[in-house]
Amino acid sequence: MIDAKEAISEKAVLIGVITQNQNETQSTEFLDELEFLTLTAGGVTVKRFVQKLERPNPKTFLGVGKLDEVKVFIESNHIGTAIFDDELSPAQLRNIEKILDCKILDRTNLILDIFAQRAQTSSAKTQVELAQHQYLLPRLTRLWTHLDKQKGGIGMRGPGETEIETDRRIINDRIVLLKKKLKTIDKQMAVQRKNRGKMVRVALVGYTNVGKSTLMNVISKSDVFAENKLFATLDTTVRKVVIKNIPFLMTDTVGFIRKLPTQLVESFKSTLDEVREADLLLHVVDISHPNFEDHIASVNTILADIKCVDKPTLMVFNKIDAYKYGTIDEDDLVTERGKEHYTLQDWQKTWMNDKDRESIFISALNKENLEDFKVITYEEVKKIHIQRFPYNDFLYYEYKEEG
């Protein structure tokens, strides 16, 4: 592991494309997110490069002319790292590295590196290491031919550093061992879930950095690690919560992200099992983020992948204290009113008012509307509890009835 001060000073350029499948607005949004990922990993973004292409070049991702422009900037400003917003093929990695002569990372490698920094428990470390090895295996040739380029820093933690002198057979053996270890961990976690009995299980899901851990801390009165960075939570945390007279289990899970590497979805199976086995999902959304609707769609896509999209779900729109909206002057007859001008009250009248799916607007940080959140959560848990324990209906009473 390199020194923290050295990591913070690591300068990088970000590279993205505008294609038929990704317009200029989307490209900017993805690069904004990539910059936040770079900051989380310990790097500093110096400049962005974007090129319009019908499709990425299969050999060099960008056009040769654009790569030369990037090379000139890298050399003149002593940049050590170039980070691409999409996953690069092994051939693209080799070709780009020859041209730019610096460390090349893609979005997947960057996310895996952050996971390697954040993993604390044996389970999380094993899952991250498996994902890194699966990513590394087809790119092994590049590591053999460019050993002198391995200087540490972002993207070089974990297997990228410790397994540099291995060959494909040893990596394959390691993957087999890690999968066996994860099977053991899966069994242990399954036993833990079984030992929890018939208690109602509630899982917090959502995009990364939307405030799931902060909400968990407030509701369960615990001290789960929370930070304003991407993927602050990797390890699943389960806490017993009691609202009035109904106890239930609340689980804090890893946050999702757009373009989530498939290796991570596969290797984090045991973590995602907590979501699969939950009775109720609390889908937490950062409503102050300008692209929160895209975040909701990304989370729903992953929930669909793990066959959880039809579970009872409570939409929790968090960070209302940070929400800002645009205004239009009374004498402005040109500007059309769009979603960027919606107040919270306006949003509440849109699809968020769907009677089939409950929603609540809160601020976990400032504890705004938490009492309303507890009322709705209590009612949702109560529905499940009554079905599970049909003869215990005498236990329930209206939430607002105080002794």
Protein backbone atom coordinates (compact mmCIF):
# COMPACT_ATOMS: atom_id res chain seq x y z
CA MET A 1 0.00 0.00 0.00
CA ILE A 2 1.45 3.38 -0.95
CA ASP A 3 1.65 6.39 1.29
CA ALA A 4 -1.60 8.41 1.48
CA LYS A 5 0.11 11.72 0.67
CA GLU A 6 1.63 10.20 -2.46
CA ALA A 7 -1.80 8.89 -3.54
CA ILE A 8 -3.47 12.28 -3.13
CA SER A 9 -0.84 13.93 -5.33
CA GLU A 10 -1.32 11.40 -8.16
CA LYS A 11 -2.39 13.45 -11.19
CA ALA A 12 -4.70 11.98 -13.82
CA VAL A 13 -6.50 12.88 -17.04
CA LEU A 14 -9.99 11.55 -17.76
CA ILE A 15 -10.99 10.31 -21.21
CA GLY A 16 -14.52 9.73 -22.51
CA VAL A 17 -16.42 9.52 -25.79
CA ILE A 18 -19.66 10.80 -27.29
CA THR A 19 -21.24 8.06 -29.41
CA GLN A 20 -24.58 7.01 -30.89
CA ASN A 21 -25.39 5.29 -27.57
CA GLN A 22 -24.05 8.04 -25.32
CA ASN A 23 -24.84 11.69 -26.01
CA GLU A 24 -22.91 14.74 -24.83
CA THR A 25 -25.00 15.22 -21.67
CA GLN A 26 -24.57 11.58 -20.63
CA SER A 27 -20.86 11.70 -21.39
CA THR A 28 -20.48 14.75 -19.10
CA GLU A 29 -22.45 13.04 -16.33
CA PHE A 30 -20.33 9.88 -16.56
CA LEU A 31 -17.11 11.92 -16.49
CA ASP A 32 -18.37 13.85 -13.43
CA GLU A 33 -18.88 10.50 -11.73
CA LEU A 34 -15.49 9.26 -12.95
CA GLU A 35 -13.88 12.37 -11.42
CA PHE A 36 -15.56 11.58 -8.08
CA LEU A 37 -14.31 7.98 -8.37
CA THR A 38 -10.79 9.27 -9.05
CA LEU A 39 -10.97 11.54 -5.99
CA THR A 40 -12.24 8.62 -3.86
CA ALA A 41 -9.31 6.49 -5.07
CA GLY A 42 -6.84 9.21 -4.07
CA GLY A 43 -6.19 10.99 -7.37
CA VAL A 44 -6.55 14.51 -8.72
CA THR A 45 -8.16 15.18 -12.11
CA VAL A 46 -6.15 17.69 -14.14
CA LYS A 47 -8.02 17.67 -17.47
CA ARG A 48 -10.76 15.88 -19.41
CA PHE A 49 -10.59 14.74 -23.01
CA VAL A 50 -13.76 13.89 -24.97
CA GLN A 51 -14.08 12.79 -28.60
CA LYS A 52 -17.15 12.34 -30.81
CA LEU A 53 -17.10 8.93 -32.49
CA GLU A 54 -19.66 6.65 -34.12
CA ARG A 55 -18.23 3.91 -31.93
CA PRO A 56 -14.98 3.55 -29.92
CA ASN A 57 -11.95 2.53 -31.99
CA PRO A 58 -11.46 -1.24 -31.45
CA LYS A 59 -7.66 -0.81 -31.43
CA THR A 60 -7.06 2.43 -29.53
CA PHE A 61 -10.52 3.43 -28.19
CA LEU A 62 -9.91 7.05 -29.35
CA GLY A 63 -8.78 8.20 -32.76
CA VAL A 64 -5.01 8.34 -33.26
CA GLY A 65 -5.03 12.16 -33.58
CA LYS A 66 -6.88 12.57 -30.27
CA LEU A 67 -4.47 10.15 -28.56
CA ASP A 68 -1.53 12.23 -29.80
CA GLU A 69 -3.19 15.33 -28.30
CA VAL A 70 -3.56 13.49 -24.97
CA LYS A 71 0.08 12.35 -25.17
CA VAL A 72 1.36 15.90 -25.67
CA PHE A 73 -0.63 17.12 -22.64
CA ILE A 74 0.52 14.20 -20.47
CA GLU A 75 4.19 14.74 -21.32
CA SER A 76 4.12 18.53 -20.91
CA ASN A 77 2.30 18.38 -17.56
CA HIS A 78 4.01 15.27 -16.14
CA ILE A 79 0.79 13.30 -15.75
CA GLY A 80 1.26 9.72 -14.57
CA THR A 81 -2.21 8.24 -15.15
CA ALA A 82 -4.87 8.24 -17.89
CA ILE A 83 -8.32 6.97 -16.86
CA PHE A 84 -10.88 5.88 -19.48
CA ASP A 85 -14.60 6.01 -18.73
CA ASP A 86 -15.36 2.65 -20.36
CA GLU A 87 -13.89 -0.82 -19.93
CA LEU A 88 -10.94 -1.33 -22.29
CA SER A 89 -10.18 -4.62 -24.01
CA PRO A 90 -6.73 -6.19 -23.39
CA ALA A 91 -5.66 -5.18 -26.93
CA GLN A 92 -6.79 -1.57 -26.40
CA LEU A 93 -4.90 -1.42 -23.11
CA ARG A 94 -1.66 -2.61 -24.74
CA ASN A 95 -1.97 -0.27 -27.74
CA ILE A 96 -2.87 2.81 -25.69
CA GLU A 97 -0.07 2.14 -23.21
CA LYS A 98 2.47 1.99 -26.06
CA ILE A 99 1.31 5.37 -27.38
CA LEU A 100 0.82 7.30 -24.11
CA ASP A 101 3.66 5.63 -22.18
CA CYS A 102 1.94 6.04 -18.80
CA LYS A 103 -0.32 4.07 -16.49
CA ILE A 104 -3.66 3.31 -18.16
CA LEU A 105 -6.80 2.54 -16.14
CA ASP A 106 -10.40 2.03 -17.17
CA ARG A 107 -13.57 2.58 -15.16
CA THR A 108 -13.72 -1.08 -14.05
CA ASN A 109 -10.12 -1.08 -12.81
CA LEU A 110 -10.73 2.16 -10.92
CA ILE A 111 -13.85 0.82 -9.17
CA LEU A 112 -12.04 -2.43 -8.28
CA ASP A 113 -9.21 -0.37 -6.81
CA ILE A 114 -11.60 1.60 -4.59
CA PHE A 115 -13.16 -1.67 -3.46
CA ALA A 116 -9.67 -2.97 -2.62
CA GLN A 117 -9.07 0.10 -0.41
CA ARG A 118 -12.46 -0.13 1.31
CA ALA A 119 -12.72 -3.88 1.98
CA GLN A 120 -12.41 -4.58 5.71
CA THR A 121 -13.79 -8.05 6.47
CA SER A 122 -12.54 -11.39 5.16
CA SER A 123 -15.73 -11.73 3.10
CA ALA A 124 -15.36 -8.35 1.36
CA LYS A 125 -11.62 -8.85 0.76
CA THR A 126 -12.22 -12.27 -0.79
CA GLN A 127 -14.99 -10.96 -3.04
CA VAL A 128 -12.87 -8.02 -4.21
CA GLU A 129 -9.81 -10.21 -4.81
CA LEU A 130 -11.88 -12.63 -6.93
CA ALA A 131 -13.24 -9.75 -9.03
CA GLN A 132 -9.71 -8.36 -9.49
CA HIS A 133 -8.34 -11.72 -10.61
CA GLN A 134 -11.18 -12.22 -13.08
CA TYR A 135 -10.44 -8.76 -14.49
CA LEU A 136 -6.68 -9.42 -14.49
CA LEU A 137 -6.68 -12.82 -16.22
CA PRO A 138 -7.23 -11.70 -19.86
CA ARG A 139 -4.87 -8.75 -19.31
CA LEU A 140 -1.96 -10.79 -18.00
CA THR A 141 0.15 -10.30 -21.15
CA ARG A 142 0.17 -6.55 -20.64
CA LEU A 143 1.53 -6.97 -17.09
CA TRP A 144 4.29 -9.29 -18.30
CA THR A 145 5.44 -6.96 -21.06
CA HIS A 146 5.28 -3.75 -19.02
CA LEU A 147 6.62 -4.71 -15.59
CA ASP A 148 8.68 -1.51 -15.50
CA LYS A 149 5.43 0.53 -15.60
CA GLN A 150 4.11 -0.87 -12.32
CA LYS A 151 4.76 2.06 -10.01
CA GLY A 152 1.96 1.56 -7.47
CA GLY A 153 -0.87 3.98 -6.78
CA ILE A 154 -4.42 3.98 -8.13
CA GLY A 155 -5.34 0.71 -9.79
CA MET A 156 -2.25 -1.11 -8.58
CA ARG A 157 -3.39 -2.33 -5.16
CA GLY A 158 -4.26 -5.94 -4.47
CA PRO A 159 -3.61 -8.57 -7.16
CA GLY A 160 -2.27 -5.96 -9.61
CA GLU A 161 0.67 -5.64 -7.26
CA THR A 162 0.99 -8.97 -5.46
CA GLU A 163 0.38 -11.27 -8.42
CA ILE A 164 2.55 -9.46 -10.98
CA GLU A 165 5.00 -12.36 -11.40
CA THR A 166 2.37 -15.09 -11.66
CA ASP A 167 1.29 -16.83 -14.83
CA ARG A 168 -2.16 -17.65 -16.11
CA ARG A 169 -2.24 -21.10 -14.50
CA ILE A 170 -1.50 -19.72 -11.02
CA ILE A 171 -4.16 -17.02 -11.44
CA ASN A 172 -6.69 -19.66 -12.47
CA ASP A 173 -5.77 -21.76 -9.44
CA ARG A 174 -6.21 -18.69 -7.25
CA ILE A 175 -9.67 -18.00 -8.74
CA VAL A 176 -10.70 -21.59 -7.98
CA LEU A 177 -9.47 -21.23 -4.38
CA LEU A 178 -11.27 -17.90 -3.91
CA LYS A 179 -14.51 -19.35 -5.28
CA LYS A 180 -14.25 -22.24 -2.79
CA LYS A 181 -13.61 -19.76 0.01
CA LEU A 182 -16.64 -17.72 -1.05
CA LYS A 183 -18.80 -20.87 -1.05
CA THR A 184 -17.77 -21.42 2.57
CA ILE A 185 -18.57 -17.78 3.37
CA ASP A 186 -21.94 -18.15 1.58
CA LYS A 187 -22.77 -21.17 3.77
CA GLN A 188 -21.77 -19.27 6.92
CA MET A 189 -23.90 -16.26 5.95
CA ALA A 190 -26.81 -18.55 5.05
CA VAL A 191 -26.58 -20.12 8.54
CA GLN A 192 -26.50 -16.62 10.08
CA ARG A 193 -29.61 -15.66 8.12
CA LYS A 194 -31.32 -18.89 9.19
CA ASN A 195 -30.46 -18.23 12.84
CA ARG A 196 -32.26 -14.90 12.65
CA GLY A 197 -35.51 -16.84 12.71
CA LYS A 198 -38.68 -15.49 11.19
CA MET A 199 -37.98 -11.84 11.93
CA VAL A 200 -38.94 -9.44 9.16
CA ARG A 201 -35.88 -8.37 7.14
CA VAL A 202 -35.56 -4.89 5.71
CA ALA A 203 -32.69 -4.06 3.31
CA LEU A 204 -31.39 -0.60 2.44
CA VAL A 205 -30.58 -0.43 -1.27
CA GLY A 206 -29.67 2.42 -3.56
CA TYR A 207 -26.99 4.18 -5.56
CA THR A 208 -23.63 4.74 -3.91
CA ASN A 209 -23.32 7.80 -1.64
CA VAL A 210 -27.06 8.45 -1.17
CA GLY A 211 -26.99 8.27 2.65
CA LYS A 212 -27.94 4.63 3.38
CA SER A 213 -25.42 4.26 6.22
CA THR A 214 -26.43 7.62 7.74
CA LEU A 215 -30.09 6.51 7.73
CA MET A 216 -29.07 3.16 9.24
CA ASN A 217 -27.24 4.96 12.06
CA VAL A 218 -30.22 7.20 12.83
CA ILE A 219 -32.85 4.45 12.80
CA SER A 220 -30.87 1.70 14.54
CA LYS A 221 -28.92 4.07 16.85
CA SER A 222 -25.74 2.28 15.80
CA ASP A 223 -22.41 3.50 14.47
CA VAL A 224 -22.04 2.20 10.92
CA PHE A 225 -19.19 3.85 8.98
CA ALA A 226 -20.54 6.67 6.80
CA GLU A 227 -18.58 9.09 4.63
CA ASN A 228 -19.25 11.43 1.70
CA LYS A 229 -17.34 9.24 -0.74
CA LEU A 230 -18.31 6.53 -3.19
CA PHE A 231 -18.50 2.98 -1.82
CA ALA A 232 -17.94 3.94 1.84
CA THR A 233 -19.86 0.76 2.71
CA LEU A 234 -18.71 -2.59 1.31
CA ASP A 235 -19.39 -4.90 4.23
CA THR A 236 -22.97 -5.88 4.93
CA THR A 237 -24.14 -4.67 8.34
CA VAL A 238 -27.24 -6.07 10.05
CA ARG A 239 -28.86 -4.36 13.05
CA LYS A 240 -31.98 -5.15 15.07
CA VAL A 241 -34.45 -2.25 15.02
CA VAL A 242 -37.61 -1.88 17.07
CA ILE A 243 -40.32 0.60 16.07
CA LYS A 244 -42.97 0.60 18.80
CA ASN A 245 -43.54 -3.08 19.57
CA ILE A 246 -42.39 -4.65 16.28
CA PRO A 247 -38.75 -5.78 16.03
CA PHE A 248 -37.17 -6.31 12.61
CA LEU A 249 -33.70 -6.62 11.07
CA MET A 250 -32.25 -3.80 8.97
CA THR A 251 -29.41 -4.49 6.54
CA ASP A 252 -27.05 -1.88 5.06
CA THR A 253 -25.71 -3.06 1.68
CA VAL A 254 -23.08 -1.99 -0.84
CA GLY A 255 -24.15 0.92 -3.07
CA PHE A 256 -24.71 0.45 -6.79
CA ILE A 257 -23.32 2.52 -9.63
CA ARG A 258 -23.83 2.96 -13.37
CA LYS A 259 -21.62 0.69 -15.49
CA LEU A 260 -21.06 -1.56 -12.44
CA PRO A 261 -18.41 -4.15 -13.44
CA THR A 262 -19.94 -7.58 -14.05
CA GLN A 263 -17.08 -9.13 -12.05
CA LEU A 264 -18.31 -7.28 -8.95
CA VAL A 265 -21.94 -8.34 -9.40
CA GLU A 266 -20.79 -11.96 -9.65
CA SER A 267 -18.27 -11.91 -6.80
CA PHE A 268 -20.56 -9.95 -4.43
CA LYS A 269 -23.23 -12.64 -4.67
CA SER A 270 -23.17 -13.34 -0.92
CA THR A 271 -23.67 -9.63 -0.19
CA LEU A 272 -26.51 -9.36 -2.71
CA ASP A 273 -28.13 -12.44 -1.13
CA GLU A 274 -29.04 -10.15 1.78
CA VAL A 275 -31.13 -8.15 -0.70
CA ARG A 276 -32.60 -11.30 -2.26
CA GLU A 277 -33.76 -12.62 1.11
CA ALA A 278 -35.14 -9.31 2.38
CA ASP A 279 -38.90 -8.98 2.91
CA LEU A 280 -38.95 -5.22 2.32
CA LEU A 281 -36.59 -2.93 0.39
CA LEU A 282 -35.95 0.68 1.37
CA HIS A 283 -34.76 2.22 -1.90
CA VAL A 284 -32.81 5.29 -0.76
CA VAL A 285 -32.40 8.08 -3.34
CA ASP A 286 -30.29 11.25 -3.16
CA ILE A 287 -32.90 13.70 -4.45
CA SER A 288 -30.38 16.56 -4.36
CA HIS A 289 -28.39 14.89 -7.16
CA PRO A 290 -29.33 16.29 -10.59
CA ASN A 291 -29.37 12.79 -12.12
CA PHE A 292 -31.25 10.98 -9.38
CA GLU A 293 -33.80 9.53 -11.84
CA ASP A 294 -30.95 7.85 -13.76
CA HIS A 295 -29.66 6.51 -10.45
CA ILE A 296 -33.08 4.99 -9.70
CA ALA A 297 -33.11 3.33 -13.14
CA SER A 298 -29.58 1.93 -12.61
CA VAL A 299 -30.52 0.47 -9.22
CA ASN A 300 -33.73 -1.03 -10.63
CA THR A 301 -31.72 -2.64 -13.46
CA ILE A 302 -29.41 -4.36 -10.95
CA LEU A 303 -32.39 -5.36 -8.77
CA ALA A 304 -33.95 -6.90 -11.88
CA ASP A 305 -30.70 -8.78 -12.58
CA ILE A 306 -30.83 -10.36 -9.12
CA LYS A 307 -34.63 -10.91 -9.43
CA CYS A 308 -35.62 -8.49 -6.64
CA VAL A 309 -37.45 -5.79 -8.56
CA ASP A 310 -40.91 -7.07 -7.53
CA LYS A 311 -40.27 -7.01 -3.78
CA PRO A 312 -42.31 -4.62 -1.59
CA THR A 313 -40.39 -1.35 -1.80
CA LEU A 314 -40.51 1.96 0.03
CA MET A 315 -38.94 4.85 -1.90
CA VAL A 316 -36.96 7.05 0.51
CA PHE A 317 -35.96 10.38 -1.04
CA ASN A 318 -33.07 11.54 1.15
CA LYS A 319 -31.03 14.77 1.42
CA ILE A 320 -33.98 17.16 1.08
CA ASP A 321 -31.85 19.64 3.07
CA ALA A 322 -29.43 19.83 0.12
CA TYR A 323 -32.08 19.99 -2.63
CA LYS A 324 -31.90 23.04 -4.90
CA TYR A 325 -34.05 24.01 -7.88
CA GLY A 326 -33.88 26.65 -10.58
CA THR A 327 -36.22 29.63 -10.75
CA ILE A 328 -37.60 31.57 -13.71
CA ASP A 329 -38.03 35.34 -13.55
CA GLU A 330 -41.59 36.60 -14.00
CA ASP A 331 -40.60 38.66 -17.05
CA ASP A 332 -38.75 35.68 -18.66
CA LEU A 333 -41.04 34.53 -21.47
CA VAL A 334 -38.42 32.38 -23.24
CA THR A 335 -37.24 29.84 -20.67
CA GLU A 336 -39.42 26.74 -20.55
CA ARG A 337 -40.12 25.18 -17.18
CA GLY A 338 -38.40 21.82 -16.86
CA LYS A 339 -37.60 19.29 -14.15
CA GLU A 340 -34.68 21.43 -12.99
CA HIS A 341 -37.29 23.98 -11.84
CA TYR A 342 -39.36 21.47 -9.82
CA THR A 343 -39.76 22.10 -6.11
CA LEU A 344 -40.03 19.13 -3.73
CA GLN A 345 -43.80 19.67 -3.73
CA ASP A 346 -43.82 19.48 -7.54
CA TRP A 347 -41.89 16.18 -7.45
CA GLN A 348 -44.34 14.76 -4.92
CA LYS A 349 -47.15 15.23 -7.45
CA THR A 350 -45.34 13.30 -10.23
CA TRP A 351 -44.76 9.53 -10.53
CA MET A 352 -43.58 9.68 -6.90
CA ASN A 353 -47.27 9.89 -5.97
CA ASP A 354 -47.84 6.32 -7.22
CA LYS A 355 -50.27 4.66 -4.80
CA ASP A 356 -48.80 1.23 -5.51
CA ARG A 357 -45.40 2.26 -4.13
CA GLU A 358 -45.06 4.29 -0.95
CA SER A 359 -42.58 7.19 -0.88
CA ILE A 360 -41.28 9.58 1.77
CA PHE A 361 -39.04 12.67 1.65
CA ILE A 362 -36.49 12.93 4.48
CA SER A 363 -33.11 14.24 5.58
CA ALA A 364 -31.29 11.53 7.52
CA LEU A 365 -28.49 13.96 8.36
CA ASN A 366 -30.77 16.64 9.85
CA LYS A 367 -33.41 14.10 11.00
CA GLU A 368 -36.18 15.84 9.03
CA ASN A 369 -39.44 13.87 8.59
CA LEU A 370 -37.95 10.87 10.41
CA GLU A 371 -41.11 10.41 12.46
CA ASP A 372 -43.16 10.15 9.24
CA PHE A 373 -40.56 7.71 7.89
CA LYS A 374 -40.97 5.54 10.99
CA VAL A 375 -44.77 5.58 10.63
CA ILE A 376 -44.63 4.36 7.01
CA THR A 377 -41.89 1.79 7.75
CA TYR A 378 -43.88 0.53 10.74
CA GLU A 379 -46.99 0.05 8.59
CA GLU A 380 -45.06 -1.75 5.82
CA VAL A 381 -43.30 -4.07 8.30
CA LYS A 382 -46.61 -4.65 10.10
CA LYS A 383 -48.22 -5.95 6.85
CA ILE A 384 -45.49 -8.59 6.53
CA HIS A 385 -45.51 -9.34 10.27
CA ILE A 386 -49.28 -10.01 10.30
CA GLN A 387 -48.92 -12.50 7.44
CA ARG A 388 -46.06 -14.27 9.20
CA PHE A 389 -47.66 -14.31 12.65
CA PRO A 390 -51.44 -14.27 11.98
CA TYR A 391 -52.41 -15.06 15.58
CA ASN A 392 -50.45 -12.18 17.12
CA ASP A 393 -52.68 -9.39 15.87
CA PHE A 394 -53.38 -8.34 19.46
CA LEU A 395 -49.77 -7.07 19.59
CA TYR A 396 -50.39 -4.32 17.08
CA TYR A 397 -51.76 -0.89 17.73
CA GLU A 398 -51.77 2.34 15.84
CA TYR A 399 -48.29 3.81 15.69
CA LYS A 400 -49.41 7.25 16.85
CA GLU A 401 -51.01 5.93 20.03
CA GLU A 402 -48.67 6.95 22.80
CA GLY A 403 -48.85 5.39 26.25
